Amino acid sequence: MIPVIGLVIGIVAGFLLEPTVPVYLQPYLPIAVVAALDALFGGLRALLDGIFDDRVFLVSFLSNVLVAGFIVFLGDQLGVGSQLSTGVVVVLGIRIFSNVAAIRRHIFKA
């Protein structure tokens, strides 16, 4: 129940405060969202498999976002930011779809 309350408070705060992302962080936001979704679906899959650990989830969530952001930053410094961003999205996208497939198999027994 506490996570749902936190989610509702976060959504309401977002609508009321209307935060803006600084221009220098805007290229990293989509990558951070995809990395966070990867950790979220991985956590849901682990929960359904009965092996969920909150510490593992937190470390996975934070490390996914940081590593993905670092890869994009490194790509920007090397002048190939869009190519590395695409690579990160493809890899994390494959992981997301793999986790969603496992979740679907678990829920529908198919």
PDB file of N, CA and C in Angstrom:
ATOM      1  N   MET A   1       0.811  -1.191   0.000  1.00  0.00           N
ATOM      2  CA  MET A   1       0.000   0.000   0.000  1.00  0.00           C
ATOM      3  C   MET A   1       0.867   1.273   0.000  1.00  0.00           C
ATOM      4  N   ILE A   2       1.992   1.208   0.679  1.00  0.00           N
ATOM      5  CA  ILE A   2       2.876   2.370   0.741  1.00  0.00           C
ATOM      6  C   ILE A   2       3.400   2.757  -0.647  1.00  0.00           C
ATOM      7  N   PRO A   3       3.810   1.782  -1.497  1.00  0.00           N
ATOM      8  CA  PRO A   3       4.261   2.178  -2.837  1.00  0.00           C
ATOM      9  C   PRO A   3       3.171   2.868  -3.657  1.00  0.00           C
ATOM     10  N   VAL A   4       1.928   2.435  -3.511  1.00  0.00           N
ATOM     11  CA  VAL A   4       0.825   3.050  -4.258  1.00  0.00           C
ATOM     12  C   VAL A   4       0.612   4.485  -3.782  1.00  0.00           C
ATOM     13  N   ILE A   5       0.677   4.687  -2.471  1.00  0.00           N
ATOM     14  CA  ILE A   5       0.536   6.039  -1.934  1.00  0.00           C
ATOM     15  C   ILE A   5       1.672   6.932  -2.447  1.00  0.00           C
ATOM     16  N   GLY A   6       2.894   6.409  -2.436  1.00  0.00           N
ATOM     17  CA  GLY A   6       4.034   7.158  -2.950  1.00  0.00           C
ATOM     18  C   GLY A   6       3.875   7.500  -4.416  1.00  0.00           C
ATOM     19  N   LEU A   7       3.355   6.549  -5.204  1.00  0.00           N
ATOM     20  CA  LEU A   7       3.126   6.800  -6.630  1.00  0.00           C
ATOM     21  C   LEU A   7       2.101   7.904  -6.829  1.00  0.00           C
ATOM     22  N   VAL A   8       1.008   7.846  -6.085  1.00  0.00           N
ATOM     23  CA  VAL A   8      -0.038   8.866  -6.205  1.00  0.00           C
ATOM     24  C   VAL A   8       0.513  10.238  -5.807  1.00  0.00           C
ATOM     25  N   ILE A   9       1.266  10.293  -4.698  1.00  0.00           N
ATOM     26  CA  ILE A   9       1.857  11.561  -4.262  1.00  0.00           C
ATOM     27  C   ILE A   9       2.813  12.098  -5.330  1.00  0.00           C
ATOM     28  N   GLY A  10       3.614  11.222  -5.921  1.00  0.00           N
ATOM     29  CA  GLY A  10       4.546  11.637  -6.974  1.00  0.00           C
ATOM     30  C   GLY A  10       3.836  12.161  -8.204  1.00  0.00           C
ATOM     31  N   ILE A  11       2.764  11.512  -8.608  1.00  0.00           N
ATOM     32  CA  ILE A  11       2.014  11.962  -9.786  1.00  0.00           C
ATOM     33  C   ILE A  11       1.369  13.319  -9.519  1.00  0.00           C
ATOM     34  N   VAL A  12       0.750  13.462  -8.344  1.00  0.00           N
ATOM     35  CA  VAL A  12       0.114  14.737  -7.990  1.00  0.00           C
ATOM     36  C   VAL A  12       1.165  15.843  -7.922  1.00  0.00           C
ATOM     37  N   ALA A  13       2.302  15.573  -7.287  1.00  0.00           N
ATOM     38  CA  ALA A  13       3.373  16.568  -7.194  1.00  0.00           C
ATOM     39  C   ALA A  13       3.873  16.953  -8.586  1.00  0.00           C
ATOM     40  N   GLY A  14       3.984  15.981  -9.480  1.00  0.00           N
ATOM     41  CA  GLY A  14       4.428  16.275 -10.844  1.00  0.00           C
ATOM     42  C   GLY A  14       3.475  17.193 -11.580  1.00  0.00           C
ATOM     43  N   PHE A  15       2.180  16.959 -11.412  1.00  0.00           N
ATOM     44  CA  PHE A  15       1.202  17.817 -12.073  1.00  0.00           C
ATOM     45  C   PHE A  15       1.156  19.211 -11.454  1.00  0.00           C
ATOM     46  N   LEU A  16       1.281  19.297 -10.140  1.00  0.00           N
ATOM     47  CA  LEU A  16       1.203  20.599  -9.474  1.00  0.00           C
ATOM     48  C   LEU A  16       2.468  21.434  -9.663  1.00  0.00           C
ATOM     49  N   LEU A  17       3.629  20.799  -9.560  1.00  0.00           N
ATOM     50  CA  LEU A  17       4.887  21.535  -9.628  1.00  0.00           C
ATOM     51  C   LEU A  17       5.391  21.747 -11.050  1.00  0.00           C
ATOM     52  N   GLU A  18       4.924  20.913 -11.991  1.00  0.00           N
ATOM     53  CA  GLU A  18       5.341  20.981 -13.386  1.00  0.00           C
ATOM     54  C   GLU A  18       6.861  21.133 -13.527  1.00  0.00           C
ATOM     55  N   PRO A  19       7.612  20.137 -13.083  1.00  0.00           N
ATOM     56  CA  PRO A  19       9.074  20.247 -13.148  1.00  0.00           C
ATOM     57  C   PRO A  19       9.561  20.240 -14.596  1.00  0.00           C
ATOM     58  N   THR A  20      10.680  20.906 -14.810  1.00  0.00           N
ATOM     59  CA  THR A  20      11.302  20.916 -16.137  1.00  0.00           C
ATOM     60  C   THR A  20      12.676  20.258 -16.035  1.00  0.00           C
ATOM     61  N   VAL A  21      13.058  19.626 -17.109  1.00  0.00           N
ATOM     62  CA  VAL A  21      14.363  18.976 -17.168  1.00  0.00           C
ATOM     63  C   VAL A  21      15.335  19.949 -17.812  1.00  0.00           C
ATOM     64  N   PRO A  22      16.485  20.191 -17.179  1.00  0.00           N
ATOM     65  CA  PRO A  22      17.470  21.095 -17.792  1.00  0.00           C
ATOM     66  C   PRO A  22      17.896  20.594 -19.173  1.00  0.00           C
ATOM     67  N   VAL A  23      18.225  21.513 -20.041  1.00  0.00           N
ATOM     68  CA  VAL A  23      18.562  21.188 -21.429  1.00  0.00           C
ATOM     69  C   VAL A  23      19.712  20.187 -21.507  1.00  0.00           C
ATOM     70  N   TYR A  24      20.710  20.334 -20.645  1.00  0.00           N
ATOM     71  CA  TYR A  24      21.868  19.448 -20.720  1.00  0.00           C
ATOM     72  C   TYR A  24      21.552  18.025 -20.271  1.00  0.00           C
ATOM     73  N   LEU A  25      20.430  17.815 -19.579  1.00  0.00           N
ATOM     74  CA  LEU A  25      20.045  16.455 -19.165  1.00  0.00           C
ATOM     75  C   LEU A  25      19.004  15.821 -20.090  1.00  0.00           C
ATOM     76  N   GLN A  26      18.421  16.589 -20.988  1.00  0.00           N
ATOM     77  CA  GLN A  26      17.354  16.074 -21.842  1.00  0.00           C
ATOM     78  C   GLN A  26      17.747  14.884 -22.704  1.00  0.00           C
ATOM     79  N   PRO A  27      18.969  14.794 -23.232  1.00  0.00           N
ATOM     80  CA  PRO A  27      19.303  13.594 -24.025  1.00  0.00           C
ATOM     81  C   PRO A  27      19.351  12.312 -23.182  1.00  0.00           C
ATOM     82  N   TYR A  28      19.528  12.455 -21.889  1.00  0.00           N
ATOM     83  CA  TYR A  28      19.674  11.288 -21.026  1.00  0.00           C
ATOM     84  C   TYR A  28      18.345  10.790 -20.453  1.00  0.00           C
ATOM     85  N   LEU A  29      17.331  11.627 -20.464  1.00  0.00           N
ATOM     86  CA  LEU A  29      16.053  11.262 -19.862  1.00  0.00           C
ATOM     87  C   LEU A  29      15.393  10.048 -20.523  1.00  0.00           C
ATOM     88  N   PRO A  30      15.282   9.992 -21.866  1.00  0.00           N
ATOM     89  CA  PRO A  30      14.655   8.802 -22.460  1.00  0.00           C
ATOM     90  C   PRO A  30      15.429   7.524 -22.153  1.00  0.00           C
ATOM     91  N   ILE A  31      16.748   7.603 -22.131  1.00  0.00           N
ATOM     92  CA  ILE A  31      17.558   6.424 -21.831  1.00  0.00           C
ATOM     93  C   ILE A  31      17.344   6.000 -20.384  1.00  0.00           C
ATOM     94  N   ALA A  32      17.271   6.964 -19.481  1.00  0.00           N
ATOM     95  CA  ALA A  32      17.032   6.651 -18.069  1.00  0.00           C
ATOM     96  C   ALA A  32      15.662   6.010 -17.884  1.00  0.00           C
ATOM     97  N   VAL A  33      14.663   6.472 -18.623  1.00  0.00           N
ATOM     98  CA  VAL A  33      13.326   5.892 -18.519  1.00  0.00           C
ATOM     99  C   VAL A  33      13.323   4.450 -19.018  1.00  0.00           C
ATOM    100  N   VAL A  34      13.972   4.193 -20.133  1.00  0.00           N
ATOM    101  CA  VAL A  34      14.038   2.825 -20.669  1.00  0.00           C
ATOM    102  C   VAL A  34      14.800   1.917 -19.704  1.00  0.00           C
ATOM    103  N   ALA A  35      15.883   2.406 -19.129  1.00  0.00           N
ATOM    104  CA  ALA A  35      16.646   1.611 -18.161  1.00  0.00           C
ATOM    105  C   ALA A  35      15.810   1.333 -16.921  1.00  0.00           C
ATOM    106  N   ALA A  36      15.044   2.313 -16.470  1.00  0.00           N
ATOM    107  CA  ALA A  36      14.182   2.109 -15.313  1.00  0.00           C
ATOM    108  C   ALA A  36      13.080   1.108 -15.626  1.00  0.00           C
ATOM    109  N   LEU A  37      12.516   1.167 -16.837  1.00  0.00           N
ATOM    110  CA  LEU A  37      11.501   0.192 -17.228  1.00  0.00           C
ATOM    111  C   LEU A  37      12.070  -1.222 -17.261  1.00  0.00           C
ATOM    112  N   ASP A  38      13.309  -1.356 -17.707  1.00  0.00           N
ATOM    113  CA  ASP A  38      13.961  -2.663 -17.709  1.00  0.00           C
ATOM    114  C   ASP A  38      14.042  -3.217 -16.291  1.00  0.00           C
ATOM    115  N   ALA A  39      14.460  -2.401 -15.347  1.00  0.00           N
ATOM    116  CA  ALA A  39      14.547  -2.848 -13.958  1.00  0.00           C
ATOM    117  C   ALA A  39      13.166  -3.156 -13.398  1.00  0.00           C
ATOM    118  N   LEU A  40      12.166  -2.344 -13.748  1.00  0.00           N
ATOM    119  CA  LEU A  40      10.814  -2.556 -13.266  1.00  0.00           C
ATOM    120  C   LEU A  40      10.250  -3.889 -13.739  1.00  0.00           C
ATOM    121  N   PHE A  41      10.382  -4.172 -15.032  1.00  0.00           N
ATOM    122  CA  PHE A  41       9.868  -5.439 -15.552  1.00  0.00           C
ATOM    123  C   PHE A  41      10.679  -6.624 -15.037  1.00  0.00           C
ATOM    124  N   GLY A  42      11.978  -6.427 -14.846  1.00  0.00           N
ATOM    125  CA  GLY A  42      12.791  -7.480 -14.245  1.00  0.00           C
ATOM    126  C   GLY A  42      12.359  -7.776 -12.821  1.00  0.00           C
ATOM    127  N   GLY A  43      12.034  -6.733 -12.073  1.00  0.00           N
ATOM    128  CA  GLY A  43      11.551  -6.914 -10.710  1.00  0.00           C
ATOM    129  C   GLY A  43      10.202  -7.612 -10.669  1.00  0.00           C
ATOM    130  N   LEU A  44       9.317  -7.249 -11.587  1.00  0.00           N
ATOM    131  CA  LEU A  44       8.010  -7.906 -11.649  1.00  0.00           C
ATOM    132  C   LEU A  44       8.157  -9.375 -12.008  1.00  0.00           C
ATOM    133  N   ARG A  45       9.051  -9.661 -12.933  1.00  0.00           N
ATOM    134  CA  ARG A  45       9.309 -11.057 -13.296  1.00  0.00           C
ATOM    135  C   ARG A  45       9.851 -11.832 -12.091  1.00  0.00           C
ATOM    136  N   ALA A  46      10.789 -11.249 -11.370  1.00  0.00           N
ATOM    137  CA  ALA A  46      11.341 -11.908 -10.183  1.00  0.00           C
ATOM    138  C   ALA A  46      10.264 -12.113  -9.125  1.00  0.00           C
ATOM    139  N   LEU A  47       9.365 -11.142  -8.980  1.00  0.00           N
ATOM    140  CA  LEU A  47       8.279 -11.281  -8.018  1.00  0.00           C
ATOM    141  C   LEU A  47       7.383 -12.456  -8.372  1.00  0.00           C
ATOM    142  N   LEU A  48       7.036 -12.577  -9.649  1.00  0.00           N
ATOM    143  CA  LEU A  48       6.186 -13.681 -10.080  1.00  0.00           C
ATOM    144  C   LEU A  48       6.899 -15.026  -9.978  1.00  0.00           C
ATOM    145  N   ASP A  49       8.226 -15.022 -10.142  1.00  0.00           N
ATOM    146  CA  ASP A  49       9.003 -16.255 -10.007  1.00  0.00           C
ATOM    147  C   ASP A  49       9.286 -16.590  -8.551  1.00  0.00           C
ATOM    148  N   GLY A  50       8.942 -15.670  -7.641  1.00  0.00           N
ATOM    149  CA  GLY A  50       9.141 -15.914  -6.221  1.00  0.00           C
ATOM    150  C   GLY A  50      10.566 -15.696  -5.744  1.00  0.00           C
ATOM    151  N   ILE A  51      11.363 -14.950  -6.500  1.00  0.00           N
ATOM    152  CA  ILE A  51      12.757 -14.722  -6.113  1.00  0.00           C
ATOM    153  C   ILE A  51      13.071 -13.234  -5.969  1.00  0.00           C
ATOM    154  N   PHE A  52      12.042 -12.419  -5.765  1.00  0.00           N
ATOM    155  CA  PHE A  52      12.240 -10.970  -5.669  1.00  0.00           C
ATOM    156  C   PHE A  52      12.991 -10.622  -4.386  1.00  0.00           C
ATOM    157  N   ASP A  53      13.964  -9.732  -4.537  1.00  0.00           N
ATOM    158  CA  ASP A  53      14.710  -9.206  -3.397  1.00  0.00           C
ATOM    159  C   ASP A  53      14.773  -7.692  -3.573  1.00  0.00           C
ATOM    160  N   ASP A  54      14.290  -6.961  -2.580  1.00  0.00           N
ATOM    161  CA  ASP A  54      14.212  -5.512  -2.727  1.00  0.00           C
ATOM    162  C   ASP A  54      15.579  -4.861  -2.895  1.00  0.00           C
ATOM    163  N   ARG A  55      16.597  -5.396  -2.266  1.00  0.00           N
ATOM    164  CA  ARG A  55      17.940  -4.827  -2.421  1.00  0.00           C
ATOM    165  C   ARG A  55      18.472  -5.045  -3.827  1.00  0.00           C
ATOM    166  N   VAL A  56      18.250  -6.239  -4.352  1.00  0.00           N
ATOM    167  CA  VAL A  56      18.678  -6.530  -5.724  1.00  0.00           C
ATOM    168  C   VAL A  56      17.934  -5.614  -6.695  1.00  0.00           C
ATOM    169  N   PHE A  57      16.638  -5.415  -6.452  1.00  0.00           N
ATOM    170  CA  PHE A  57      15.853  -4.540  -7.321  1.00  0.00           C
ATOM    171  C   PHE A  57      16.390  -3.117  -7.278  1.00  0.00           C
ATOM    172  N   LEU A  58      16.647  -2.601  -6.095  1.00  0.00           N
ATOM    173  CA  LEU A  58      17.136  -1.231  -5.963  1.00  0.00           C
ATOM    174  C   LEU A  58      18.494  -1.051  -6.638  1.00  0.00           C
ATOM    175  N   VAL A  59      19.393  -1.994  -6.413  1.00  0.00           N
ATOM    176  CA  VAL A  59      20.715  -1.923  -7.051  1.00  0.00           C
ATOM    177  C   VAL A  59      20.586  -2.032  -8.563  1.00  0.00           C
ATOM    178  N   SER A  60      19.732  -2.926  -9.033  1.00  0.00           N
ATOM    179  CA  SER A  60      19.512  -3.083 -10.470  1.00  0.00           C
ATOM    180  C   SER A  60      18.941  -1.807 -11.072  1.00  0.00           C
ATOM    181  N   PHE A  61      17.970  -1.233 -10.404  1.00  0.00           N
ATOM    182  CA  PHE A  61      17.338  -0.005 -10.885  1.00  0.00           C
ATOM    183  C   PHE A  61      18.354   1.117 -11.013  1.00  0.00           C
ATOM    184  N   LEU A  62      19.086   1.362  -9.943  1.00  0.00           N
ATOM    185  CA  LEU A  62      20.054   2.458  -9.940  1.00  0.00           C
ATOM    186  C   LEU A  62      21.208   2.206 -10.904  1.00  0.00           C
ATOM    187  N   SER A  63      21.726   0.978 -10.918  1.00  0.00           N
ATOM    188  CA  SER A  63      22.863   0.702 -11.797  1.00  0.00           C
ATOM    189  C   SER A  63      22.447   0.745 -13.266  1.00  0.00           C
ATOM    190  N   ASN A  64      21.249   0.269 -13.606  1.00  0.00           N
ATOM    191  CA  ASN A  64      20.780   0.355 -14.990  1.00  0.00           C
ATOM    192  C   ASN A  64      20.738   1.806 -15.462  1.00  0.00           C
ATOM    193  N   VAL A  65      20.160   2.674 -14.633  1.00  0.00           N
ATOM    194  CA  VAL A  65      20.032   4.075 -15.008  1.00  0.00           C
ATOM    195  C   VAL A  65      21.409   4.731 -15.122  1.00  0.00           C
ATOM    196  N   LEU A  66      22.276   4.478 -14.146  1.00  0.00           N
ATOM    197  CA  LEU A  66      23.600   5.098 -14.165  1.00  0.00           C
ATOM    198  C   LEU A  66      24.466   4.600 -15.321  1.00  0.00           C
ATOM    199  N   VAL A  67      24.479   3.303 -15.546  1.00  0.00           N
ATOM    200  CA  VAL A  67      25.303   2.758 -16.628  1.00  0.00           C
ATOM    201  C   VAL A  67      24.784   3.218 -17.985  1.00  0.00           C
ATOM    202  N   ALA A  68      23.465   3.176 -18.175  1.00  0.00           N
ATOM    203  CA  ALA A  68      22.905   3.635 -19.453  1.00  0.00           C
ATOM    204  C   ALA A  68      23.216   5.111 -19.670  1.00  0.00           C
ATOM    205  N   GLY A  69      23.067   5.923 -18.633  1.00  0.00           N
ATOM    206  CA  GLY A  69      23.399   7.339 -18.745  1.00  0.00           C
ATOM    207  C   GLY A  69      24.869   7.552 -19.040  1.00  0.00           C
ATOM    208  N   PHE A  70      25.734   6.764 -18.403  1.00  0.00           N
ATOM    209  CA  PHE A  70      27.172   6.890 -18.639  1.00  0.00           C
ATOM    210  C   PHE A  70      27.531   6.518 -20.074  1.00  0.00           C
ATOM    211  N   ILE A  71      26.899   5.479 -20.593  1.00  0.00           N
ATOM    212  CA  ILE A  71      27.180   5.067 -21.978  1.00  0.00           C
ATOM    213  C   ILE A  71      26.785   6.180 -22.950  1.00  0.00           C
ATOM    214  N   VAL A  72      25.629   6.787 -22.719  1.00  0.00           N
ATOM    215  CA  VAL A  72      25.195   7.887 -23.588  1.00  0.00           C
ATOM    216  C   VAL A  72      26.128   9.087 -23.434  1.00  0.00           C
ATOM    217  N   PHE A  73      26.529   9.397 -22.197  1.00  0.00           N
ATOM    218  CA  PHE A  73      27.476  10.493 -21.963  1.00  0.00           C
ATOM    219  C   PHE A  73      28.789  10.228 -22.694  1.00  0.00           C
ATOM    220  N   LEU A  74      29.286   9.011 -22.579  1.00  0.00           N
ATOM    221  CA  LEU A  74      30.521   8.643 -23.256  1.00  0.00           C
ATOM    222  C   LEU A  74      30.367   8.787 -24.770  1.00  0.00           C
ATOM    223  N   GLY A  75      29.220   8.355 -25.286  1.00  0.00           N
ATOM    224  CA  GLY A  75      28.963   8.511 -26.715  1.00  0.00           C
ATOM    225  C   GLY A  75      28.935   9.967 -27.142  1.00  0.00           C
ATOM    226  N   ASP A  76      28.353  10.825 -26.303  1.00  0.00           N
ATOM    227  CA  ASP A  76      28.346  12.260 -26.610  1.00  0.00           C
ATOM    228  C   ASP A  76      29.765  12.819 -26.637  1.00  0.00           C
ATOM    229  N   GLN A  77      30.590  12.392 -25.712  1.00  0.00           N
ATOM    230  CA  GLN A  77      31.970  12.875 -25.657  1.00  0.00           C
ATOM    231  C   GLN A  77      32.772  12.400 -26.864  1.00  0.00           C
ATOM    232  N   LEU A  78      32.452  11.211 -27.363  1.00  0.00           N
ATOM    233  CA  LEU A  78      33.146  10.663 -28.528  1.00  0.00           C
ATOM    234  C   LEU A  78      32.539  11.123 -29.850  1.00  0.00           C
ATOM    235  N   GLY A  79      31.394  11.803 -29.770  1.00  0.00           N
ATOM    236  CA  GLY A  79      30.735  12.282 -30.986  1.00  0.00           C
ATOM    237  C   GLY A  79      29.836  11.260 -31.639  1.00  0.00           C
ATOM    238  N   VAL A  80      29.517  10.182 -30.942  1.00  0.00           N
ATOM    239  CA  VAL A  80      28.643   9.135 -31.493  1.00  0.00           C
ATOM    240  C   VAL A  80      27.474   8.870 -30.539  1.00  0.00           C
ATOM    241  N   GLY A  81      26.968   9.940 -29.923  1.00  0.00           N
ATOM    242  CA  GLY A  81      25.922   9.802 -28.907  1.00  0.00           C
ATOM    243  C   GLY A  81      24.672   9.121 -29.406  1.00  0.00           C
ATOM    244  N   SER A  82      24.234   9.468 -30.621  1.00  0.00           N
ATOM    245  CA  SER A  82      22.994   8.879 -31.119  1.00  0.00           C
ATOM    246  C   SER A  82      23.145   7.390 -31.394  1.00  0.00           C
ATOM    247  N   GLN A  83      24.317   6.974 -31.869  1.00  0.00           N
ATOM    248  CA  GLN A  83      24.532   5.551 -32.132  1.00  0.00           C
ATOM    249  C   GLN A  83      24.546   4.748 -30.833  1.00  0.00           C
ATOM    250  N   LEU A  84      25.235   5.263 -29.820  1.00  0.00           N
ATOM    251  CA  LEU A  84      25.259   4.555 -28.543  1.00  0.00           C
ATOM    252  C   LEU A  84      23.901   4.599 -27.857  1.00  0.00           C
ATOM    253  N   SER A  85      23.172   5.694 -28.006  1.00  0.00           N
ATOM    254  CA  SER A  85      21.812   5.763 -27.450  1.00  0.00           C
ATOM    255  C   SER A  85      20.935   4.701 -28.090  1.00  0.00           C
ATOM    256  N   THR A  86      21.043   4.555 -29.404  1.00  0.00           N
ATOM    257  CA  THR A  86      20.276   3.527 -30.102  1.00  0.00           C
ATOM    258  C   THR A  86      20.662   2.140 -29.609  1.00  0.00           C
ATOM    259  N   GLY A  87      21.950   1.912 -29.425  1.00  0.00           N
ATOM    260  CA  GLY A  87      22.414   0.617 -28.919  1.00  0.00           C
ATOM    261  C   GLY A  87      21.865   0.311 -27.541  1.00  0.00           C
ATOM    262  N   VAL A  88      21.870   1.292 -26.662  1.00  0.00           N
ATOM    263  CA  VAL A  88      21.342   1.105 -25.310  1.00  0.00           C
ATOM    264  C   VAL A  88      19.849   0.788 -25.368  1.00  0.00           C
ATOM    265  N   VAL A  89      19.104   1.526 -26.184  1.00  0.00           N
ATOM    266  CA  VAL A  89      17.665   1.286 -26.299  1.00  0.00           C
ATOM    267  C   VAL A  89      17.387  -0.100 -26.860  1.00  0.00           C
ATOM    268  N   VAL A  90      18.162  -0.533 -27.841  1.00  0.00           N
ATOM    269  CA  VAL A  90      17.958  -1.868 -28.424  1.00  0.00           C
ATOM    270  C   VAL A  90      18.222  -2.957 -27.385  1.00  0.00           C
ATOM    271  N   VAL A  91      19.341  -2.856 -26.683  1.00  0.00           N
ATOM    272  CA  VAL A  91      19.675  -3.882 -25.690  1.00  0.00           C
ATOM    273  C   VAL A  91      18.650  -3.915 -24.571  1.00  0.00           C
ATOM    274  N   LEU A  92      18.311  -2.757 -24.035  1.00  0.00           N
ATOM    275  CA  LEU A  92      17.326  -2.728 -22.951  1.00  0.00           C
ATOM    276  C   LEU A  92      15.946  -3.118 -23.458  1.00  0.00           C
ATOM    277  N   GLY A  93      15.628  -2.757 -24.692  1.00  0.00           N
ATOM    278  CA  GLY A  93      14.356  -3.168 -25.277  1.00  0.00           C
ATOM    279  C   GLY A  93      14.238  -4.667 -25.394  1.00  0.00           C
ATOM    280  N   ILE A  94      15.312  -5.324 -25.790  1.00  0.00           N
ATOM    281  CA  ILE A  94      15.309  -6.787 -25.867  1.00  0.00           C
ATOM    282  C   ILE A  94      15.073  -7.380 -24.491  1.00  0.00           C
ATOM    283  N   ARG A  95      15.736  -6.829 -23.476  1.00  0.00           N
ATOM    284  CA  ARG A  95      15.551  -7.328 -22.107  1.00  0.00           C
ATOM    285  C   ARG A  95      14.125  -7.090 -21.622  1.00  0.00           C
ATOM    286  N   ILE A  96      13.564  -5.932 -21.946  1.00  0.00           N
ATOM    287  CA  ILE A  96      12.189  -5.638 -21.534  1.00  0.00           C
ATOM    288  C   ILE A  96      11.230  -6.628 -22.168  1.00  0.00           C
ATOM    289  N   PHE A  97      11.356  -6.855 -23.471  1.00  0.00           N
ATOM    290  CA  PHE A  97      10.453  -7.788 -24.136  1.00  0.00           C
ATOM    291  C   PHE A  97      10.649  -9.214 -23.644  1.00  0.00           C
ATOM    292  N   SER A  98      11.860  -9.577 -23.307  1.00  0.00           N
ATOM    293  CA  SER A  98      12.112 -10.903 -22.742  1.00  0.00           C
ATOM    294  C   SER A  98      11.419 -11.052 -21.386  1.00  0.00           C
ATOM    295  N   ASN A  99      11.529 -10.035 -20.556  1.00  0.00           N
ATOM    296  CA  ASN A  99      10.859 -10.076 -19.251  1.00  0.00           C
ATOM    297  C   ASN A  99       9.347 -10.077 -19.396  1.00  0.00           C
ATOM    298  N   VAL A 100       8.819  -9.277 -20.318  1.00  0.00           N
ATOM    299  CA  VAL A 100       7.371  -9.241 -20.537  1.00  0.00           C
ATOM    300  C   VAL A 100       6.886 -10.598 -21.039  1.00  0.00           C
ATOM    301  N   ALA A 101       7.656 -11.252 -21.892  1.00  0.00           N
ATOM    302  CA  ALA A 101       7.271 -12.586 -22.372  1.00  0.00           C
ATOM    303  C   ALA A 101       7.231 -13.579 -21.215  1.00  0.00           C
ATOM    304  N   ALA A 102       8.213 -13.513 -20.318  1.00  0.00           N
ATOM    305  CA  ALA A 102       8.223 -14.412 -19.158  1.00  0.00           C
ATOM    306  C   ALA A 102       7.051 -14.110 -18.226  1.00  0.00           C
ATOM    307  N   ILE A 103       6.725 -12.838 -18.058  1.00  0.00           N
ATOM    308  CA  ILE A 103       5.580 -12.455 -17.224  1.00  0.00           C
ATOM    309  C   ILE A 103       4.289 -12.973 -17.847  1.00  0.00           C
ATOM    310  N   ARG A 104       4.167 -12.808 -19.160  1.00  0.00           N
ATOM    311  CA  ARG A 104       2.979 -13.305 -19.860  1.00  0.00           C
ATOM    312  C   ARG A 104       2.837 -14.809 -19.720  1.00  0.00           C
ATOM    313  N   ARG A 105       3.949 -15.535 -19.882  1.00  0.00           N
ATOM    314  CA  ARG A 105       3.900 -16.989 -19.718  1.00  0.00           C
ATOM    315  C   ARG A 105       3.508 -17.382 -18.306  1.00  0.00           C
ATOM    316  N   HIS A 106       3.976 -16.627 -17.334  1.00  0.00           N
ATOM    317  CA  HIS A 106       3.661 -16.932 -15.948  1.00  0.00           C
ATOM    318  C   HIS A 106       2.184 -16.671 -15.652  1.00  0.00           C
ATOM    319  N   ILE A 107       1.665 -15.546 -16.139  1.00  0.00           N
ATOM    320  CA  ILE A 107       0.275 -15.178 -15.852  1.00  0.00           C
ATOM    321  C   ILE A 107      -0.711 -16.071 -16.595  1.00  0.00           C
ATOM    322  N   PHE A 108      -0.457 -16.295 -17.887  1.00  0.00           N
ATOM    323  CA  PHE A 108      -1.409 -17.037 -18.711  1.00  0.00           C
ATOM    324  C   PHE A 108      -1.058 -18.521 -18.838  1.00  0.00           C
ATOM    325  N   LYS A 109       0.028 -18.937 -18.206  1.00  0.00           N
ATOM    326  CA  LYS A 109       0.452 -20.341 -18.255  1.00  0.00           C
ATOM    327  C   LYS A 109       0.593 -20.828 -19.680  1.00  0.00           C
ATOM    328  N   ALA A 110       1.109 -19.942 -20.539  1.00  0.00           N
ATOM    329  CA  ALA A 110       1.268 -20.311 -21.959  1.00  0.00           C
ATOM    330  C   ALA A 110       2.642 -19.961 -22.435  1.00  0.00           C
TER     331      ALA A 110
END
